[in-house]
PDB file of all heavy atoms in Angstrom:
ATOM      1  N   ALA A   1     -17.901   5.729   0.598  1.00  0.00           N
ATOM      2  CA  ALA A   1     -17.694   5.828  -0.873  1.00  0.00           C
ATOM      3  C   ALA A   1     -17.940   4.589  -1.638  1.00  0.00           C
ATOM      4  O   ALA A   1     -17.547   3.513  -1.198  1.00  0.00           O
ATOM      5  CB  ALA A   1     -16.213   6.289  -1.069  1.00  0.00           C
ATOM      6  N   ARG A   2     -18.511   4.783  -2.833  1.00  0.00           N
ATOM      7  CA  ARG A   2     -18.523   3.696  -3.829  1.00  0.00           C
ATOM      8  C   ARG A   2     -17.130   3.649  -4.372  1.00  0.00           C
ATOM      9  O   ARG A   2     -16.420   4.630  -4.473  1.00  0.00           O
ATOM     10  CB  ARG A   2     -19.472   4.038  -4.939  1.00  0.00           C
ATOM     11  CG  ARG A   2     -20.948   4.017  -4.560  1.00  0.00           C
ATOM     12  CD  ARG A   2     -21.832   4.245  -5.746  1.00  0.00           C
ATOM     13  NE  ARG A   2     -23.230   4.104  -5.415  1.00  0.00           N
ATOM     14  CZ  ARG A   2     -24.195   4.278  -6.323  1.00  0.00           C
ATOM     15  NH1 ARG A   2     -23.934   4.510  -7.635  1.00  0.00           N
ATOM     16  NH2 ARG A   2     -25.461   4.171  -5.950  1.00  0.00           N
ATOM     17  N   ALA A   3     -16.728   2.490  -4.800  1.00  0.00           N
ATOM     18  CA  ALA A   3     -15.391   2.279  -5.325  1.00  0.00           C
ATOM     19  C   ALA A   3     -14.340   2.803  -4.361  1.00  0.00           C
ATOM     20  O   ALA A   3     -13.412   3.513  -4.765  1.00  0.00           O
ATOM     21  CB  ALA A   3     -15.245   2.985  -6.681  1.00  0.00           C
ATOM     22  N   PHE A   4     -14.513   2.510  -3.072  1.00  0.00           N
ATOM     23  CA  PHE A   4     -13.565   2.913  -2.091  1.00  0.00           C
ATOM     24  C   PHE A   4     -12.114   2.619  -2.437  1.00  0.00           C
ATOM     25  O   PHE A   4     -11.216   3.346  -2.142  1.00  0.00           O
ATOM     26  CB  PHE A   4     -13.968   2.328  -0.714  1.00  0.00           C
ATOM     27  CG  PHE A   4     -12.915   2.503   0.358  1.00  0.00           C
ATOM     28  CD1 PHE A   4     -12.830   3.751   1.002  1.00  0.00           C
ATOM     29  CD2 PHE A   4     -12.056   1.489   0.824  1.00  0.00           C
ATOM     30  CE1 PHE A   4     -11.945   3.964   2.001  1.00  0.00           C
ATOM     31  CE2 PHE A   4     -11.178   1.726   1.832  1.00  0.00           C
ATOM     32  CZ  PHE A   4     -11.091   2.933   2.400  1.00  0.00           C
ATOM     33  N   SER A   5     -11.935   1.457  -3.121  1.00  0.00           N
ATOM     34  CA  SER A   5     -10.587   1.046  -3.419  1.00  0.00           C
ATOM     35  C   SER A   5      -9.899   1.903  -4.399  1.00  0.00           C
ATOM     36  O   SER A   5      -8.695   1.776  -4.663  1.00  0.00           O
ATOM     37  CB  SER A   5     -10.619  -0.403  -3.950  1.00  0.00           C
ATOM     38  OG  SER A   5     -11.401  -0.476  -5.096  1.00  0.00           O
ATOM     39  N   SER A   6     -10.598   2.923  -4.983  1.00  0.00           N
ATOM     40  CA  SER A   6      -9.974   3.796  -5.933  1.00  0.00           C
ATOM     41  C   SER A   6      -9.460   5.076  -5.258  1.00  0.00           C
ATOM     42  O   SER A   6      -8.944   5.951  -5.894  1.00  0.00           O
ATOM     43  CB  SER A   6     -10.920   4.148  -7.039  1.00  0.00           C
ATOM     44  OG  SER A   6     -12.071   4.888  -6.560  1.00  0.00           O
ATOM     45  N   TYR A   7      -9.719   5.223  -3.977  1.00  0.00           N
ATOM     46  CA  TYR A   7      -9.330   6.422  -3.184  1.00  0.00           C
ATOM     47  C   TYR A   7      -8.029   6.270  -2.476  1.00  0.00           C
ATOM     48  O   TYR A   7      -7.774   5.296  -1.801  1.00  0.00           O
ATOM     49  CB  TYR A   7     -10.465   6.768  -2.199  1.00  0.00           C
ATOM     50  CG  TYR A   7     -11.707   7.348  -2.796  1.00  0.00           C
ATOM     51  CD1 TYR A   7     -12.626   6.498  -3.322  1.00  0.00           C
ATOM     52  CD2 TYR A   7     -11.877   8.730  -2.858  1.00  0.00           C
ATOM     53  CE1 TYR A   7     -13.776   7.037  -3.891  1.00  0.00           C
ATOM     54  CE2 TYR A   7     -13.004   9.259  -3.366  1.00  0.00           C
ATOM     55  CZ  TYR A   7     -13.985   8.431  -3.915  1.00  0.00           C
ATOM     56  OH  TYR A   7     -15.096   8.985  -4.486  1.00  0.00           O
ATOM     57  N   HIS A   8      -7.195   7.314  -2.575  1.00  0.00           N
ATOM     58  CA  HIS A   8      -6.063   7.456  -1.693  1.00  0.00           C
ATOM     59  C   HIS A   8      -6.654   7.868  -0.319  1.00  0.00           C
ATOM     60  O   HIS A   8      -7.634   8.650  -0.308  1.00  0.00           O
ATOM     61  CB  HIS A   8      -5.117   8.575  -2.144  1.00  0.00           C
ATOM     62  CG  HIS A   8      -4.626   8.422  -3.529  1.00  0.00           C
ATOM     63  ND1 HIS A   8      -3.904   7.302  -3.963  1.00  0.00           N
ATOM     64  CD2 HIS A   8      -4.780   9.251  -4.591  1.00  0.00           C
ATOM     65  CE1 HIS A   8      -3.642   7.465  -5.250  1.00  0.00           C
ATOM     66  NE2 HIS A   8      -4.132   8.586  -5.669  1.00  0.00           N
ATOM     67  N   MET A   9      -6.065   7.445   0.752  1.00  0.00           N
ATOM     68  CA  MET A   9      -6.534   7.809   2.097  1.00  0.00           C
ATOM     69  C   MET A   9      -5.398   8.392   2.921  1.00  0.00           C
ATOM     70  O   MET A   9      -4.264   7.926   2.849  1.00  0.00           O
ATOM     71  CB  MET A   9      -7.118   6.559   2.766  1.00  0.00           C
ATOM     72  CG  MET A   9      -8.233   5.903   2.064  1.00  0.00           C
ATOM     73  SD  MET A   9      -9.667   6.992   1.844  1.00  0.00           S
ATOM     74  CE  MET A   9     -10.150   7.269   3.608  1.00  0.00           C
ATOM     75  N   GLY A  10      -5.787   9.403   3.684  1.00  0.00           N
ATOM     76  CA  GLY A  10      -4.761  10.046   4.545  1.00  0.00           C
ATOM     77  C   GLY A  10      -5.267  10.309   5.971  1.00  0.00           C
ATOM     78  O   GLY A  10      -6.469  10.338   6.211  1.00  0.00           O
ATOM     79  N   TRP A  11      -4.309  10.465   6.854  1.00  0.00           N
ATOM     80  CA  TRP A  11      -4.612  10.888   8.247  1.00  0.00           C
ATOM     81  C   TRP A  11      -3.798  12.166   8.468  1.00  0.00           C
ATOM     82  O   TRP A  11      -2.638  12.272   8.146  1.00  0.00           O
ATOM     83  CB  TRP A  11      -4.185   9.855   9.262  1.00  0.00           C
ATOM     84  CG  TRP A  11      -5.069   8.676   9.376  1.00  0.00           C
ATOM     85  CD1 TRP A  11      -4.900   7.440   8.791  1.00  0.00           C
ATOM     86  CD2 TRP A  11      -6.276   8.553  10.126  1.00  0.00           C
ATOM     87  NE1 TRP A  11      -5.920   6.608   9.065  1.00  0.00           N
ATOM     88  CE2 TRP A  11      -6.758   7.252   9.968  1.00  0.00           C
ATOM     89  CE3 TRP A  11      -6.999   9.443  10.951  1.00  0.00           C
ATOM     90  CZ2 TRP A  11      -7.947   6.805  10.551  1.00  0.00           C
ATOM     91  CZ3 TRP A  11      -8.171   9.009  11.538  1.00  0.00           C
ATOM     92  CH2 TRP A  11      -8.638   7.682  11.327  1.00  0.00           C
ATOM     93  N   PHE A  12      -4.520  13.152   9.015  1.00  0.00           N
ATOM     94  CA  PHE A  12      -3.949  14.435   9.382  1.00  0.00           C
ATOM     95  C   PHE A  12      -4.314  14.742  10.836  1.00  0.00           C
ATOM     96  O   PHE A  12      -5.200  14.076  11.368  1.00  0.00           O
ATOM     97  CB  PHE A  12      -4.465  15.571   8.541  1.00  0.00           C
ATOM     98  CG  PHE A  12      -3.966  15.505   7.096  1.00  0.00           C
ATOM     99  CD1 PHE A  12      -4.430  14.575   6.199  1.00  0.00           C
ATOM    100  CD2 PHE A  12      -2.996  16.405   6.652  1.00  0.00           C
ATOM    101  CE1 PHE A  12      -3.991  14.509   4.886  1.00  0.00           C
ATOM    102  CE2 PHE A  12      -2.461  16.317   5.340  1.00  0.00           C
ATOM    103  CZ  PHE A  12      -2.985  15.372   4.496  1.00  0.00           C
ATOM    104  N   ARG A  13      -3.626  15.640  11.432  1.00  0.00           N
ATOM    105  CA  ARG A  13      -3.972  16.055  12.816  1.00  0.00           C
ATOM    106  C   ARG A  13      -3.836  17.580  13.007  1.00  0.00           C
ATOM    107  O   ARG A  13      -3.057  18.188  12.303  1.00  0.00           O
ATOM    108  CB  ARG A  13      -3.112  15.292  13.853  1.00  0.00           C
ATOM    109  CG  ARG A  13      -1.639  15.616  13.778  1.00  0.00           C
ATOM    110  CD  ARG A  13      -0.876  14.657  14.679  1.00  0.00           C
ATOM    111  NE  ARG A  13       0.611  14.968  14.674  1.00  0.00           N
ATOM    112  CZ  ARG A  13       1.492  14.175  15.301  1.00  0.00           C
ATOM    113  NH1 ARG A  13       1.103  13.095  15.947  1.00  0.00           N
ATOM    114  NH2 ARG A  13       2.746  14.537  15.252  1.00  0.00           N
ATOM    115  N   ARG A  14      -4.566  18.057  13.990  1.00  0.00           N
ATOM    116  CA  ARG A  14      -4.512  19.478  14.248  1.00  0.00           C
ATOM    117  C   ARG A  14      -4.501  19.742  15.745  1.00  0.00           C
ATOM    118  O   ARG A  14      -5.325  19.208  16.511  1.00  0.00           O
ATOM    119  CB  ARG A  14      -5.734  20.194  13.643  1.00  0.00           C
ATOM    120  CG  ARG A  14      -5.681  21.689  13.743  1.00  0.00           C
ATOM    121  CD  ARG A  14      -6.835  22.350  13.033  1.00  0.00           C
ATOM    122  NE  ARG A  14      -8.130  21.957  13.676  1.00  0.00           N
ATOM    123  CZ  ARG A  14      -8.659  22.538  14.682  1.00  0.00           C
ATOM    124  NH1 ARG A  14      -8.022  23.553  15.294  1.00  0.00           N
ATOM    125  NH2 ARG A  14      -9.814  22.146  15.187  1.00  0.00           N
ATOM    126  N   VAL A  15      -3.559  20.574  16.175  1.00  0.00           N
ATOM    127  CA  VAL A  15      -3.458  21.043  17.517  1.00  0.00           C
ATOM    128  C   VAL A  15      -4.080  22.423  17.544  1.00  0.00           C
ATOM    129  O   VAL A  15      -3.821  23.211  16.596  1.00  0.00           O
ATOM    130  CB  VAL A  15      -1.969  21.084  17.973  1.00  0.00           C
ATOM    131  CG1 VAL A  15      -1.860  21.737  19.330  1.00  0.00           C
ATOM    132  CG2 VAL A  15      -1.392  19.678  17.940  1.00  0.00           C
ATOM    133  N   PRO A  16      -4.827  22.788  18.543  1.00  0.00           N
ATOM    134  CA  PRO A  16      -5.430  24.143  18.615  1.00  0.00           C
ATOM    135  C   PRO A  16      -4.384  25.213  18.365  1.00  0.00           C
ATOM    136  O   PRO A  16      -3.283  25.174  18.999  1.00  0.00           O
ATOM    137  CB  PRO A  16      -6.039  24.224  19.995  1.00  0.00           C
ATOM    138  CG  PRO A  16      -6.304  22.841  20.324  1.00  0.00           C
ATOM    139  CD  PRO A  16      -5.248  21.955  19.713  1.00  0.00           C
ATOM    140  N   GLY A  17      -4.724  26.140  17.488  1.00  0.00           N
ATOM    141  CA  GLY A  17      -3.748  27.258  17.243  1.00  0.00           C
ATOM    142  C   GLY A  17      -2.794  26.975  16.136  1.00  0.00           C
ATOM    143  O   GLY A  17      -1.985  27.882  15.765  1.00  0.00           O
ATOM    144  N   LYS A  18      -2.791  25.741  15.618  1.00  0.00           N
ATOM    145  CA  LYS A  18      -1.835  25.393  14.577  1.00  0.00           C
ATOM    146  C   LYS A  18      -2.629  24.825  13.396  1.00  0.00           C
ATOM    147  O   LYS A  18      -3.776  24.485  13.459  1.00  0.00           O
ATOM    148  CB  LYS A  18      -0.855  24.317  15.078  1.00  0.00           C
ATOM    149  CG  LYS A  18       0.033  24.823  16.208  1.00  0.00           C
ATOM    150  CD  LYS A  18       0.996  23.755  16.650  1.00  0.00           C
ATOM    151  CE  LYS A  18       2.077  23.507  15.595  1.00  0.00           C
ATOM    152  NZ  LYS A  18       3.107  22.521  16.046  1.00  0.00           N
ATOM    153  N   GLU A  19      -1.914  24.798  12.207  1.00  0.00           N
ATOM    154  CA  GLU A  19      -2.569  24.316  11.019  1.00  0.00           C
ATOM    155  C   GLU A  19      -2.608  22.784  11.092  1.00  0.00           C
ATOM    156  O   GLU A  19      -1.804  22.083  11.753  1.00  0.00           O
ATOM    157  CB  GLU A  19      -1.706  24.709   9.793  1.00  0.00           C
ATOM    158  CG  GLU A  19      -1.849  26.213   9.488  1.00  0.00           C
ATOM    159  CD  GLU A  19      -1.168  26.583   8.179  1.00  0.00           C
ATOM    160  OE1 GLU A  19      -0.670  25.681   7.504  1.00  0.00           O
ATOM    161  OE2 GLU A  19      -1.227  27.739   7.788  1.00  0.00           O
ATOM    162  N   ARG A  20      -3.517  22.208  10.304  1.00  0.00           N
ATOM    163  CA  ARG A  20      -3.625  20.787  10.140  1.00  0.00           C
ATOM    164  C   ARG A  20      -2.302  20.252   9.528  1.00  0.00           C
ATOM    165  O   ARG A  20      -1.812  20.834   8.535  1.00  0.00           O
ATOM    166  CB  ARG A  20      -4.847  20.422   9.265  1.00  0.00           C
ATOM    167  CG  ARG A  20      -5.408  19.083   9.474  1.00  0.00           C
ATOM    168  CD  ARG A  20      -6.703  18.921   8.745  1.00  0.00           C
ATOM    169  NE  ARG A  20      -7.758  19.817   9.267  1.00  0.00           N
ATOM    170  CZ  ARG A  20      -9.041  19.708   8.967  1.00  0.00           C
ATOM    171  NH1 ARG A  20      -9.446  18.744   8.123  1.00  0.00           N
ATOM    172  NH2 ARG A  20      -9.898  20.554   9.475  1.00  0.00           N
ATOM    173  N   GLU A  21      -1.825  19.152  10.058  1.00  0.00           N
ATOM    174  CA  GLU A  21      -0.569  18.605   9.547  1.00  0.00           C
ATOM    175  C   GLU A  21      -0.671  17.163   9.171  1.00  0.00           C
ATOM    176  O   GLU A  21      -1.491  16.408   9.738  1.00  0.00           O
ATOM    177  CB  GLU A  21       0.577  18.763  10.591  1.00  0.00           C
ATOM    178  CG  GLU A  21       0.336  17.973  11.875  1.00  0.00           C
ATOM    179  CD  GLU A  21       1.516  18.179  12.875  1.00  0.00           C
ATOM    180  OE1 GLU A  21       2.236  19.134  12.779  1.00  0.00           O
ATOM    181  OE2 GLU A  21       1.636  17.302  13.755  1.00  0.00           O
ATOM    182  N   PHE A  22       0.171  16.776   8.242  1.00  0.00           N
ATOM    183  CA  PHE A  22       0.161  15.418   7.691  1.00  0.00           C
ATOM    184  C   PHE A  22       0.681  14.443   8.713  1.00  0.00           C
ATOM    185  O   PHE A  22       1.664  14.714   9.408  1.00  0.00           O
ATOM    186  CB  PHE A  22       1.002  15.371   6.443  1.00  0.00           C
ATOM    187  CG  PHE A  22       1.236  13.992   5.878  1.00  0.00           C
ATOM    188  CD1 PHE A  22       0.145  13.333   5.256  1.00  0.00           C
ATOM    189  CD2 PHE A  22       2.464  13.388   5.964  1.00  0.00           C
ATOM    190  CE1 PHE A  22       0.362  12.061   4.749  1.00  0.00           C
ATOM    191  CE2 PHE A  22       2.674  12.123   5.440  1.00  0.00           C
ATOM    192  CZ  PHE A  22       1.635  11.444   4.833  1.00  0.00           C
ATOM    193  N   VAL A  23       0.026  13.246   8.766  1.00  0.00           N
ATOM    194  CA  VAL A  23       0.504  12.171   9.640  1.00  0.00           C
ATOM    195  C   VAL A  23       0.898  10.949   8.805  1.00  0.00           C
ATOM    196  O   VAL A  23       2.008  10.499   8.877  1.00  0.00           O
ATOM    197  CB  VAL A  23      -0.593  11.768  10.627  1.00  0.00           C
ATOM    198  CG1 VAL A  23      -0.174  10.573  11.485  1.00  0.00           C
ATOM    199  CG2 VAL A  23      -0.964  12.928  11.556  1.00  0.00           C
ATOM    200  N   ALA A  24      -0.047  10.443   7.979  1.00  0.00           N
ATOM    201  CA  ALA A  24       0.248   9.249   7.241  1.00  0.00           C
ATOM    202  C   ALA A  24      -0.722   9.209   6.020  1.00  0.00           C
ATOM    203  O   ALA A  24      -1.821   9.794   6.082  1.00  0.00           O
ATOM    204  CB  ALA A  24       0.106   8.002   8.090  1.00  0.00           C
ATOM    205  N   ALA A  25      -0.325   8.417   5.004  1.00  0.00           N
ATOM    206  CA  ALA A  25      -1.248   8.190   3.873  1.00  0.00           C
ATOM    207  C   ALA A  25      -0.986   6.847   3.260  1.00  0.00           C
ATOM    208  O   ALA A  25       0.111   6.293   3.409  1.00  0.00           O
ATOM    209  CB  ALA A  25      -1.049   9.297   2.796  1.00  0.00           C
ATOM    210  N   ILE A  26      -1.971   6.352   2.532  1.00  0.00           N
ATOM    211  CA  ILE A  26      -1.847   5.045   1.850  1.00  0.00           C
ATOM    212  C   ILE A  26      -2.455   5.197   0.482  1.00  0.00           C
ATOM    213  O   ILE A  26      -3.522   5.846   0.306  1.00  0.00           O
ATOM    214  CB  ILE A  26      -2.544   3.952   2.704  1.00  0.00           C
ATOM    215  CG1 ILE A  26      -2.280   2.582   2.113  1.00  0.00           C
ATOM    216  CG2 ILE A  26      -4.028   4.245   2.884  1.00  0.00           C
ATOM    217  CD1 ILE A  26      -2.636   1.416   3.050  1.00  0.00           C
ATOM    218  N   SER A  27      -1.792   4.671  -0.516  1.00  0.00           N
ATOM    219  CA  SER A  27      -2.275   4.774  -1.897  1.00  0.00           C
ATOM    220  C   SER A  27      -3.541   3.949  -2.088  1.00  0.00           C
ATOM    221  O   SER A  27      -3.924   3.080  -1.242  1.00  0.00           O
ATOM    222  CB  SER A  27      -1.178   4.288  -2.857  1.00  0.00           C
ATOM    223  OG  SER A  27      -0.880   2.878  -2.611  1.00  0.00           O
ATOM    224  N   TRP A  28      -4.229   4.184  -3.229  1.00  0.00           N
ATOM    225  CA  TRP A  28      -5.451   3.440  -3.516  1.00  0.00           C
ATOM    226  C   TRP A  28      -5.251   1.963  -3.527  1.00  0.00           C
ATOM    227  O   TRP A  28      -6.148   1.171  -3.119  1.00  0.00           O
ATOM    228  CB  TRP A  28      -6.033   3.926  -4.835  1.00  0.00           C
ATOM    229  CG  TRP A  28      -5.193   3.613  -6.009  1.00  0.00           C
ATOM    230  CD1 TRP A  28      -4.209   4.371  -6.543  1.00  0.00           C
ATOM    231  CD2 TRP A  28      -5.166   2.422  -6.813  1.00  0.00           C
ATOM    232  NE1 TRP A  28      -3.590   3.755  -7.607  1.00  0.00           N
ATOM    233  CE2 TRP A  28      -4.251   2.580  -7.783  1.00  0.00           C
ATOM    234  CE3 TRP A  28      -6.018   1.269  -6.764  1.00  0.00           C
ATOM    235  CZ2 TRP A  28      -4.009   1.568  -8.726  1.00  0.00           C
ATOM    236  CZ3 TRP A  28      -5.779   0.292  -7.724  1.00  0.00           C
ATOM    237  CH2 TRP A  28      -4.759   0.416  -8.688  1.00  0.00           C
ATOM    238  N   SER A  29      -4.071   1.536  -3.967  1.00  0.00           N
ATOM    239  CA  SER A  29      -3.813   0.106  -4.056  1.00  0.00           C
ATOM    240  C   SER A  29      -3.372  -0.523  -2.731  1.00  0.00           C
ATOM    241  O   SER A  29      -3.333  -1.683  -2.571  1.00  0.00           O
ATOM    242  CB  SER A  29      -2.733  -0.141  -5.084  1.00  0.00           C
ATOM    243  OG  SER A  29      -1.522   0.319  -4.666  1.00  0.00           O
ATOM    244  N   GLY A  30      -2.968   0.353  -1.790  1.00  0.00           N
ATOM    245  CA  GLY A  30      -2.419  -0.153  -0.546  1.00  0.00           C
ATOM    246  C   GLY A  30      -0.978  -0.470  -0.661  1.00  0.00           C
ATOM    247  O   GLY A  30      -0.319  -0.839   0.308  1.00  0.00           O
ATOM    248  N   GLY A  31      -0.373  -0.339  -1.863  1.00  0.00           N
ATOM    249  CA  GLY A  31       0.988  -0.711  -2.092  1.00  0.00           C
ATOM    250  C   GLY A  31       1.994   0.275  -1.639  1.00  0.00           C
ATOM    251  O   GLY A  31       3.157  -0.041  -1.493  1.00  0.00           O
ATOM    252  N   SER A  32       1.539   1.528  -1.379  1.00  0.00           N
ATOM    253  CA  SER A  32       2.499   2.559  -0.922  1.00  0.00           C
ATOM    254  C   SER A  32       1.944   3.255   0.285  1.00  0.00           C
ATOM    255  O   SER A  32       0.760   3.568   0.354  1.00  0.00           O
ATOM    256  CB  SER A  32       2.742   3.600  -2.013  1.00  0.00           C
ATOM    257  OG  SER A  32       3.285   2.998  -3.173  1.00  0.00           O
TER     258      SER A  32
END
């Protein structure tokens, strides 16, 4: 991405047979 620093970023995971679930996220600033 251009302007990567403006994007929130997240990690999710999926186990076969289940929905994708939230793991972790970080705000665009990295402050949260």
